[in-house]
């Protein structure tokens, strides 16, 4: 329907898949972790990743986000791709803009995310280095 929106969704999904290494390294995926900043706060690299993510999300919401709380209004594959980022922002209590926080909250409220989080609580495998305080 909207070729520009689909092209942007593909582009940001690819960027999410291949970028944001500082965030990935400093804030491992751990849905069991209490929501709090990592020891020592966030690094300059994480702050740069978050600024880029904030910009991407703001632009998508501004241009294509009418009609719903997600990047392109309704939930899309791009939102699924950014769900781990939203989870890290929440889990590590990383400050983001008000609009990005609303987007994180929308992701966290989806039934799919809620199920993912519930299932993660049953996980028996623990990766000790990901259990940062």
N, C-alpha and C. Protein backbone atom coordinates (compact mmCIF):
# COMPACT_ATOMS: atom_id res chain seq x y z
N UNK A 1 0.83 -1.20 0.00
CA UNK A 1 0.00 0.00 0.00
C UNK A 1 0.87 1.26 0.00
N UNK A 2 1.71 1.42 1.00
CA UNK A 2 2.57 2.59 1.08
C UNK A 2 4.02 2.14 0.90
N UNK A 3 4.54 2.28 -0.31
CA UNK A 3 5.88 1.79 -0.63
C UNK A 3 6.96 2.46 0.21
N UNK A 4 6.81 3.76 0.47
CA UNK A 4 7.82 4.47 1.27
C UNK A 4 7.86 3.93 2.71
N UNK A 5 6.69 3.68 3.27
CA UNK A 5 6.62 3.15 4.63
C UNK A 5 7.24 1.75 4.68
N UNK A 6 6.93 0.91 3.71
CA UNK A 6 7.48 -0.45 3.69
C UNK A 6 9.00 -0.41 3.52
N UNK A 7 9.48 0.47 2.66
CA UNK A 7 10.93 0.59 2.46
C UNK A 7 11.61 1.05 3.75
N UNK A 8 11.02 2.01 4.43
CA UNK A 8 11.58 2.48 5.69
C UNK A 8 11.54 1.37 6.73
N UNK A 9 10.46 0.64 6.81
CA UNK A 9 10.35 -0.47 7.76
C UNK A 9 11.44 -1.51 7.52
N UNK A 10 11.67 -1.85 6.26
CA UNK A 10 12.75 -2.80 5.93
C UNK A 10 14.11 -2.23 6.33
N UNK A 11 14.33 -0.97 6.04
CA UNK A 11 15.61 -0.33 6.34
C UNK A 11 15.89 -0.29 7.85
N UNK A 12 14.92 0.14 8.63
CA UNK A 12 15.16 0.22 10.08
C UNK A 12 15.25 -1.17 10.71
N UNK A 13 14.55 -2.13 10.14
CA UNK A 13 14.67 -3.51 10.64
C UNK A 13 16.06 -4.05 10.39
N UNK A 14 16.60 -3.77 9.22
CA UNK A 14 17.98 -4.19 8.91
C UNK A 14 18.97 -3.48 9.82
N UNK A 15 18.73 -2.19 10.07
CA UNK A 15 19.62 -1.45 10.96
C UNK A 15 19.57 -2.02 12.37
N UNK A 16 18.38 -2.34 12.84
CA UNK A 16 18.25 -2.94 14.17
C UNK A 16 19.02 -4.26 14.22
N UNK A 17 18.90 -5.03 13.18
CA UNK A 17 19.54 -6.36 13.14
C UNK A 17 21.06 -6.27 13.15
N UNK A 18 21.63 -5.22 12.57
CA UNK A 18 23.08 -5.15 12.40
C UNK A 18 23.77 -4.07 13.23
N UNK A 19 23.03 -3.30 13.99
CA UNK A 19 23.61 -2.15 14.69
C UNK A 19 23.42 -2.24 16.20
N UNK A 20 23.75 -1.15 16.84
CA UNK A 20 23.53 -0.94 18.28
C UNK A 20 24.33 -1.92 19.14
N UNK A 21 25.59 -2.12 18.74
CA UNK A 21 26.45 -3.07 19.45
C UNK A 21 26.73 -2.64 20.89
N UNK A 22 26.89 -1.36 21.13
CA UNK A 22 27.15 -0.91 22.51
C UNK A 22 25.98 -1.28 23.41
N UNK A 23 24.76 -1.05 22.94
CA UNK A 23 23.58 -1.41 23.72
C UNK A 23 23.52 -2.92 23.94
N UNK A 24 23.75 -3.68 22.89
CA UNK A 24 23.70 -5.15 23.00
C UNK A 24 24.74 -5.66 24.00
N UNK A 25 25.96 -5.10 23.93
CA UNK A 25 27.04 -5.58 24.79
C UNK A 25 26.86 -5.17 26.25
N UNK A 26 26.42 -3.95 26.48
CA UNK A 26 26.30 -3.45 27.85
C UNK A 26 25.01 -3.88 28.53
N UNK A 27 23.99 -4.15 27.74
CA UNK A 27 22.66 -4.44 28.29
C UNK A 27 22.14 -5.74 27.67
N UNK A 28 22.61 -6.88 28.17
CA UNK A 28 22.18 -8.15 27.59
C UNK A 28 20.69 -8.38 27.78
N UNK A 29 20.13 -9.14 26.88
CA UNK A 29 18.70 -9.47 26.96
C UNK A 29 18.47 -10.33 28.18
N UNK A 30 17.67 -9.84 29.11
CA UNK A 30 17.40 -10.57 30.35
C UNK A 30 16.07 -10.07 30.91
N UNK A 31 15.00 -10.75 30.58
CA UNK A 31 13.67 -10.31 31.00
C UNK A 31 13.40 -10.59 32.47
N UNK A 32 14.27 -11.33 33.13
CA UNK A 32 14.09 -11.60 34.57
C UNK A 32 14.69 -10.50 35.43
N UNK A 33 15.55 -9.68 34.87
CA UNK A 33 16.28 -8.66 35.63
C UNK A 33 15.32 -7.57 36.11
N UNK A 34 15.47 -7.14 37.36
CA UNK A 34 14.67 -5.99 37.82
C UNK A 34 15.02 -4.74 37.01
N UNK A 35 14.08 -3.88 36.80
CA UNK A 35 14.29 -2.68 35.99
C UNK A 35 15.11 -1.65 36.78
N UNK A 36 16.37 -1.52 36.37
CA UNK A 36 17.25 -0.52 36.99
C UNK A 36 18.45 -0.28 36.08
N UNK A 37 19.05 0.88 36.24
CA UNK A 37 20.25 1.21 35.46
C UNK A 37 21.36 0.21 35.76
N UNK A 38 22.23 -0.05 34.77
CA UNK A 38 23.37 -0.92 35.05
C UNK A 38 24.33 -0.24 36.01
N UNK A 39 25.15 -1.03 36.70
CA UNK A 39 26.13 -0.41 37.60
C UNK A 39 26.97 0.61 36.83
N UNK A 40 27.09 1.79 37.37
CA UNK A 40 27.87 2.84 36.70
C UNK A 40 27.11 3.61 35.63
N UNK A 41 25.82 3.30 35.47
CA UNK A 41 25.02 4.02 34.48
C UNK A 41 25.27 3.51 33.07
N UNK A 42 24.95 4.33 32.09
CA UNK A 42 25.14 3.91 30.70
C UNK A 42 26.37 4.60 30.11
N UNK A 43 27.02 3.89 29.23
CA UNK A 43 28.25 4.40 28.61
C UNK A 43 27.91 5.40 27.51
N UNK A 44 28.94 6.08 27.03
CA UNK A 44 28.78 7.01 25.92
C UNK A 44 28.29 6.26 24.67
N UNK A 45 28.79 5.06 24.45
CA UNK A 45 28.37 4.26 23.31
C UNK A 45 26.90 3.89 23.38
N UNK A 46 26.44 3.50 24.57
CA UNK A 46 25.02 3.18 24.74
C UNK A 46 24.18 4.44 24.53
N UNK A 47 24.63 5.56 25.07
CA UNK A 47 23.91 6.82 24.89
C UNK A 47 23.79 7.17 23.41
N UNK A 48 24.84 6.94 22.64
CA UNK A 48 24.79 7.20 21.19
C UNK A 48 23.80 6.26 20.50
N UNK A 49 23.82 4.99 20.88
CA UNK A 49 22.86 4.04 20.30
C UNK A 49 21.44 4.46 20.62
N UNK A 50 21.20 4.85 21.86
CA UNK A 50 19.86 5.25 22.28
C UNK A 50 19.42 6.51 21.53
N UNK A 51 20.31 7.46 21.34
CA UNK A 51 19.97 8.67 20.59
C UNK A 51 19.57 8.32 19.16
N UNK A 52 20.28 7.40 18.55
CA UNK A 52 19.94 6.97 17.19
C UNK A 52 18.59 6.26 17.16
N UNK A 53 18.37 5.38 18.11
CA UNK A 53 17.08 4.67 18.20
C UNK A 53 15.95 5.65 18.42
N UNK A 54 16.16 6.59 19.32
CA UNK A 54 15.14 7.61 19.60
C UNK A 54 14.78 8.38 18.33
N UNK A 55 15.79 8.73 17.53
CA UNK A 55 15.57 9.45 16.28
C UNK A 55 14.78 8.60 15.28
N UNK A 56 15.18 7.35 15.14
CA UNK A 56 14.47 6.44 14.23
C UNK A 56 13.00 6.32 14.64
N UNK A 57 12.78 6.06 15.90
CA UNK A 57 11.40 5.88 16.38
C UNK A 57 10.59 7.15 16.20
N UNK A 58 11.18 8.30 16.53
CA UNK A 58 10.45 9.57 16.40
C UNK A 58 10.06 9.84 14.94
N UNK A 59 11.00 9.59 14.03
CA UNK A 59 10.69 9.84 12.62
C UNK A 59 9.59 8.90 12.12
N UNK A 60 9.71 7.63 12.45
CA UNK A 60 8.67 6.68 12.01
C UNK A 60 7.31 7.07 12.55
N UNK A 61 7.26 7.39 13.84
CA UNK A 61 5.98 7.76 14.46
C UNK A 61 5.43 9.04 13.82
N UNK A 62 6.29 10.02 13.58
CA UNK A 62 5.84 11.31 13.03
C UNK A 62 5.29 11.14 11.61
N UNK A 63 6.00 10.40 10.79
CA UNK A 63 5.64 10.29 9.38
C UNK A 63 4.60 9.20 9.12
N UNK A 64 4.73 8.08 9.83
CA UNK A 64 3.89 6.92 9.50
C UNK A 64 3.09 6.38 10.68
N UNK A 65 3.17 6.97 11.84
CA UNK A 65 2.59 6.39 13.05
C UNK A 65 1.15 6.75 13.35
N UNK A 66 0.49 7.36 12.43
CA UNK A 66 -0.91 7.72 12.68
C UNK A 66 -1.76 6.45 12.83
N UNK A 67 -2.70 6.49 13.73
CA UNK A 67 -3.63 5.38 13.85
C UNK A 67 -3.22 4.29 14.81
N UNK A 68 -2.21 4.54 15.63
CA UNK A 68 -1.83 3.52 16.61
C UNK A 68 -0.53 3.89 17.30
N UNK A 69 -0.15 3.13 18.32
CA UNK A 69 1.02 3.47 19.13
C UNK A 69 2.34 2.94 18.60
N UNK A 70 2.31 2.24 17.47
CA UNK A 70 3.52 1.59 16.99
C UNK A 70 4.22 2.42 15.92
N UNK A 71 5.35 1.96 15.46
CA UNK A 71 6.17 2.75 14.54
C UNK A 71 5.43 3.16 13.28
N UNK A 72 4.58 2.27 12.78
CA UNK A 72 3.82 2.54 11.57
C UNK A 72 2.32 2.51 11.86
N UNK A 73 1.96 2.91 13.07
CA UNK A 73 0.56 2.92 13.51
C UNK A 73 0.19 1.58 14.10
N UNK A 74 -0.08 0.62 13.24
CA UNK A 74 -0.40 -0.74 13.68
C UNK A 74 0.89 -1.54 13.84
N UNK A 75 0.83 -2.57 14.65
CA UNK A 75 1.99 -3.42 14.90
C UNK A 75 2.46 -4.06 13.60
N UNK A 76 3.77 -3.97 13.33
CA UNK A 76 4.36 -4.55 12.12
C UNK A 76 5.59 -5.38 12.49
N UNK A 77 6.19 -5.98 11.47
CA UNK A 77 7.43 -6.73 11.67
C UNK A 77 8.53 -5.82 12.22
N UNK A 78 8.53 -4.54 11.86
CA UNK A 78 9.53 -3.61 12.39
C UNK A 78 9.40 -3.49 13.91
N UNK A 79 8.18 -3.49 14.41
CA UNK A 79 7.97 -3.45 15.87
C UNK A 79 8.48 -4.74 16.51
N UNK A 80 8.24 -5.87 15.86
CA UNK A 80 8.76 -7.14 16.37
C UNK A 80 10.28 -7.09 16.44
N UNK A 81 10.91 -6.53 15.41
CA UNK A 81 12.37 -6.42 15.38
C UNK A 81 12.89 -5.54 16.53
N UNK A 82 12.16 -4.48 16.85
CA UNK A 82 12.61 -3.56 17.89
C UNK A 82 12.15 -3.96 19.30
N UNK A 83 11.39 -5.04 19.42
CA UNK A 83 10.95 -5.48 20.75
C UNK A 83 12.11 -5.77 21.70
N UNK A 84 13.19 -6.43 21.25
CA UNK A 84 14.32 -6.62 22.18
C UNK A 84 14.97 -5.31 22.61
N UNK A 85 14.97 -4.32 21.74
CA UNK A 85 15.50 -3.01 22.11
C UNK A 85 14.60 -2.37 23.16
N UNK A 86 13.30 -2.42 22.94
CA UNK A 86 12.35 -1.88 23.91
C UNK A 86 12.52 -2.58 25.26
N UNK A 87 12.71 -3.89 25.22
CA UNK A 87 12.90 -4.65 26.46
C UNK A 87 14.16 -4.21 27.19
N UNK A 88 15.24 -4.00 26.45
CA UNK A 88 16.49 -3.55 27.08
C UNK A 88 16.33 -2.16 27.68
N UNK A 89 15.66 -1.27 26.98
CA UNK A 89 15.43 0.07 27.51
C UNK A 89 14.68 -0.01 28.82
N UNK A 90 13.68 -0.86 28.87
CA UNK A 90 12.89 -1.02 30.10
C UNK A 90 13.70 -1.73 31.18
N UNK A 91 14.32 -2.83 30.84
CA UNK A 91 15.05 -3.64 31.82
C UNK A 91 16.19 -2.87 32.46
N UNK A 92 16.86 -2.04 31.68
CA UNK A 92 18.00 -1.30 32.20
C UNK A 92 17.65 0.15 32.55
N UNK A 93 16.34 0.45 32.58
CA UNK A 93 15.86 1.77 33.00
C UNK A 93 16.60 2.91 32.28
N UNK A 94 16.79 2.74 30.97
CA UNK A 94 17.53 3.72 30.19
C UNK A 94 16.60 4.89 29.85
N UNK A 95 17.01 6.09 30.18
CA UNK A 95 16.17 7.25 29.87
C UNK A 95 16.04 7.45 28.35
N UNK A 96 14.81 7.67 27.91
CA UNK A 96 14.51 7.98 26.51
C UNK A 96 13.49 9.11 26.49
N UNK A 97 13.23 9.63 25.32
CA UNK A 97 12.24 10.70 25.20
C UNK A 97 10.86 10.19 25.63
N UNK A 98 9.97 11.11 25.88
CA UNK A 98 8.61 10.75 26.28
C UNK A 98 7.93 9.90 25.21
N UNK A 99 8.11 10.26 23.94
CA UNK A 99 7.46 9.50 22.86
C UNK A 99 8.07 8.10 22.74
N UNK A 100 9.37 7.98 22.94
CA UNK A 100 9.99 6.65 22.90
C UNK A 100 9.55 5.81 24.08
N UNK A 101 9.38 6.44 25.24
CA UNK A 101 8.90 5.68 26.41
C UNK A 101 7.48 5.17 26.16
N UNK A 102 6.66 5.99 25.52
CA UNK A 102 5.30 5.55 25.19
C UNK A 102 5.34 4.37 24.22
N UNK A 103 6.27 4.41 23.27
CA UNK A 103 6.43 3.30 22.33
C UNK A 103 6.89 2.04 23.07
N UNK A 104 7.89 2.17 23.95
CA UNK A 104 8.35 1.03 24.75
C UNK A 104 7.17 0.43 25.51
N UNK A 105 6.39 1.28 26.15
CA UNK A 105 5.24 0.80 26.92
C UNK A 105 4.22 0.08 26.04
N UNK A 106 4.03 0.57 24.81
CA UNK A 106 3.10 -0.08 23.88
C UNK A 106 3.61 -1.46 23.51
N UNK A 107 4.91 -1.58 23.26
CA UNK A 107 5.50 -2.89 22.95
C UNK A 107 5.32 -3.84 24.13
N UNK A 108 5.67 -3.35 25.32
CA UNK A 108 5.61 -4.20 26.52
C UNK A 108 4.19 -4.65 26.84
N UNK A 109 3.20 -3.90 26.40
CA UNK A 109 1.80 -4.23 26.68
C UNK A 109 1.19 -5.22 25.68
N UNK A 110 1.90 -5.53 24.59
CA UNK A 110 1.32 -6.44 23.62
C UNK A 110 1.21 -7.85 24.21
N UNK A 111 0.18 -8.57 23.84
CA UNK A 111 0.06 -9.96 24.33
C UNK A 111 1.27 -10.82 23.97
N UNK A 112 1.84 -10.62 22.80
CA UNK A 112 3.00 -11.41 22.39
C UNK A 112 4.19 -11.15 23.33
N UNK A 113 4.43 -9.88 23.67
CA UNK A 113 5.54 -9.58 24.58
C UNK A 113 5.25 -10.14 25.96
N UNK A 114 4.02 -9.98 26.42
CA UNK A 114 3.66 -10.50 27.74
C UNK A 114 3.89 -12.01 27.82
N UNK A 115 3.55 -12.71 26.75
CA UNK A 115 3.77 -14.16 26.72
C UNK A 115 5.27 -14.46 26.71
N UNK A 116 6.03 -13.71 25.92
CA UNK A 116 7.48 -13.88 25.86
C UNK A 116 8.09 -13.72 27.25
N UNK A 117 7.67 -12.67 27.94
CA UNK A 117 8.21 -12.41 29.28
C UNK A 117 7.81 -13.51 30.26
N UNK A 118 6.56 -13.96 30.20
CA UNK A 118 6.11 -15.03 31.08
C UNK A 118 6.89 -16.32 30.83
N UNK A 119 7.12 -16.63 29.57
CA UNK A 119 7.88 -17.83 29.23
C UNK A 119 9.34 -17.70 29.68
N UNK A 120 9.88 -16.50 29.63
CA UNK A 120 11.28 -16.32 30.04
C UNK A 120 11.46 -16.60 31.53
N UNK A 121 10.43 -16.37 32.31
CA UNK A 121 10.51 -16.63 33.75
C UNK A 121 10.65 -18.12 34.03
N UNK A 122 10.25 -18.95 33.09
CA UNK A 122 10.35 -20.41 33.24
C UNK A 122 11.68 -20.96 32.76
N UNK A 123 12.48 -20.12 32.13
CA UNK A 123 13.74 -20.57 31.55
C UNK A 123 14.68 -21.08 32.63
N UNK A 124 15.27 -22.23 32.41
CA UNK A 124 16.18 -22.80 33.41
C UNK A 124 17.65 -22.52 33.10
N UNK A 125 17.96 -22.12 31.88
CA UNK A 125 19.34 -21.83 31.52
C UNK A 125 19.68 -20.42 31.98
N UNK A 126 20.78 -20.30 32.65
CA UNK A 126 21.24 -19.01 33.15
C UNK A 126 22.63 -18.74 32.55
N UNK A 127 22.81 -17.57 31.99
CA UNK A 127 24.11 -17.14 31.48
C UNK A 127 24.64 -16.14 32.49
N UNK A 128 25.57 -16.61 33.32
CA UNK A 128 26.03 -15.82 34.47
C UNK A 128 26.48 -14.41 34.10
N UNK A 129 27.22 -14.27 33.00
CA UNK A 129 27.73 -12.93 32.65
C UNK A 129 26.61 -11.98 32.23
N UNK A 130 25.44 -12.52 31.94
CA UNK A 130 24.29 -11.67 31.60
C UNK A 130 23.46 -11.30 32.82
N UNK A 131 23.84 -11.82 33.95
CA UNK A 131 23.12 -11.54 35.19
C UNK A 131 23.77 -10.35 35.91
N UNK A 132 24.04 -9.28 35.13
CA UNK A 132 24.66 -8.10 35.73
C UNK A 132 23.72 -7.51 36.76
N UNK A 133 24.32 -6.90 37.76
CA UNK A 133 23.54 -6.35 38.87
C UNK A 133 22.71 -5.18 38.47
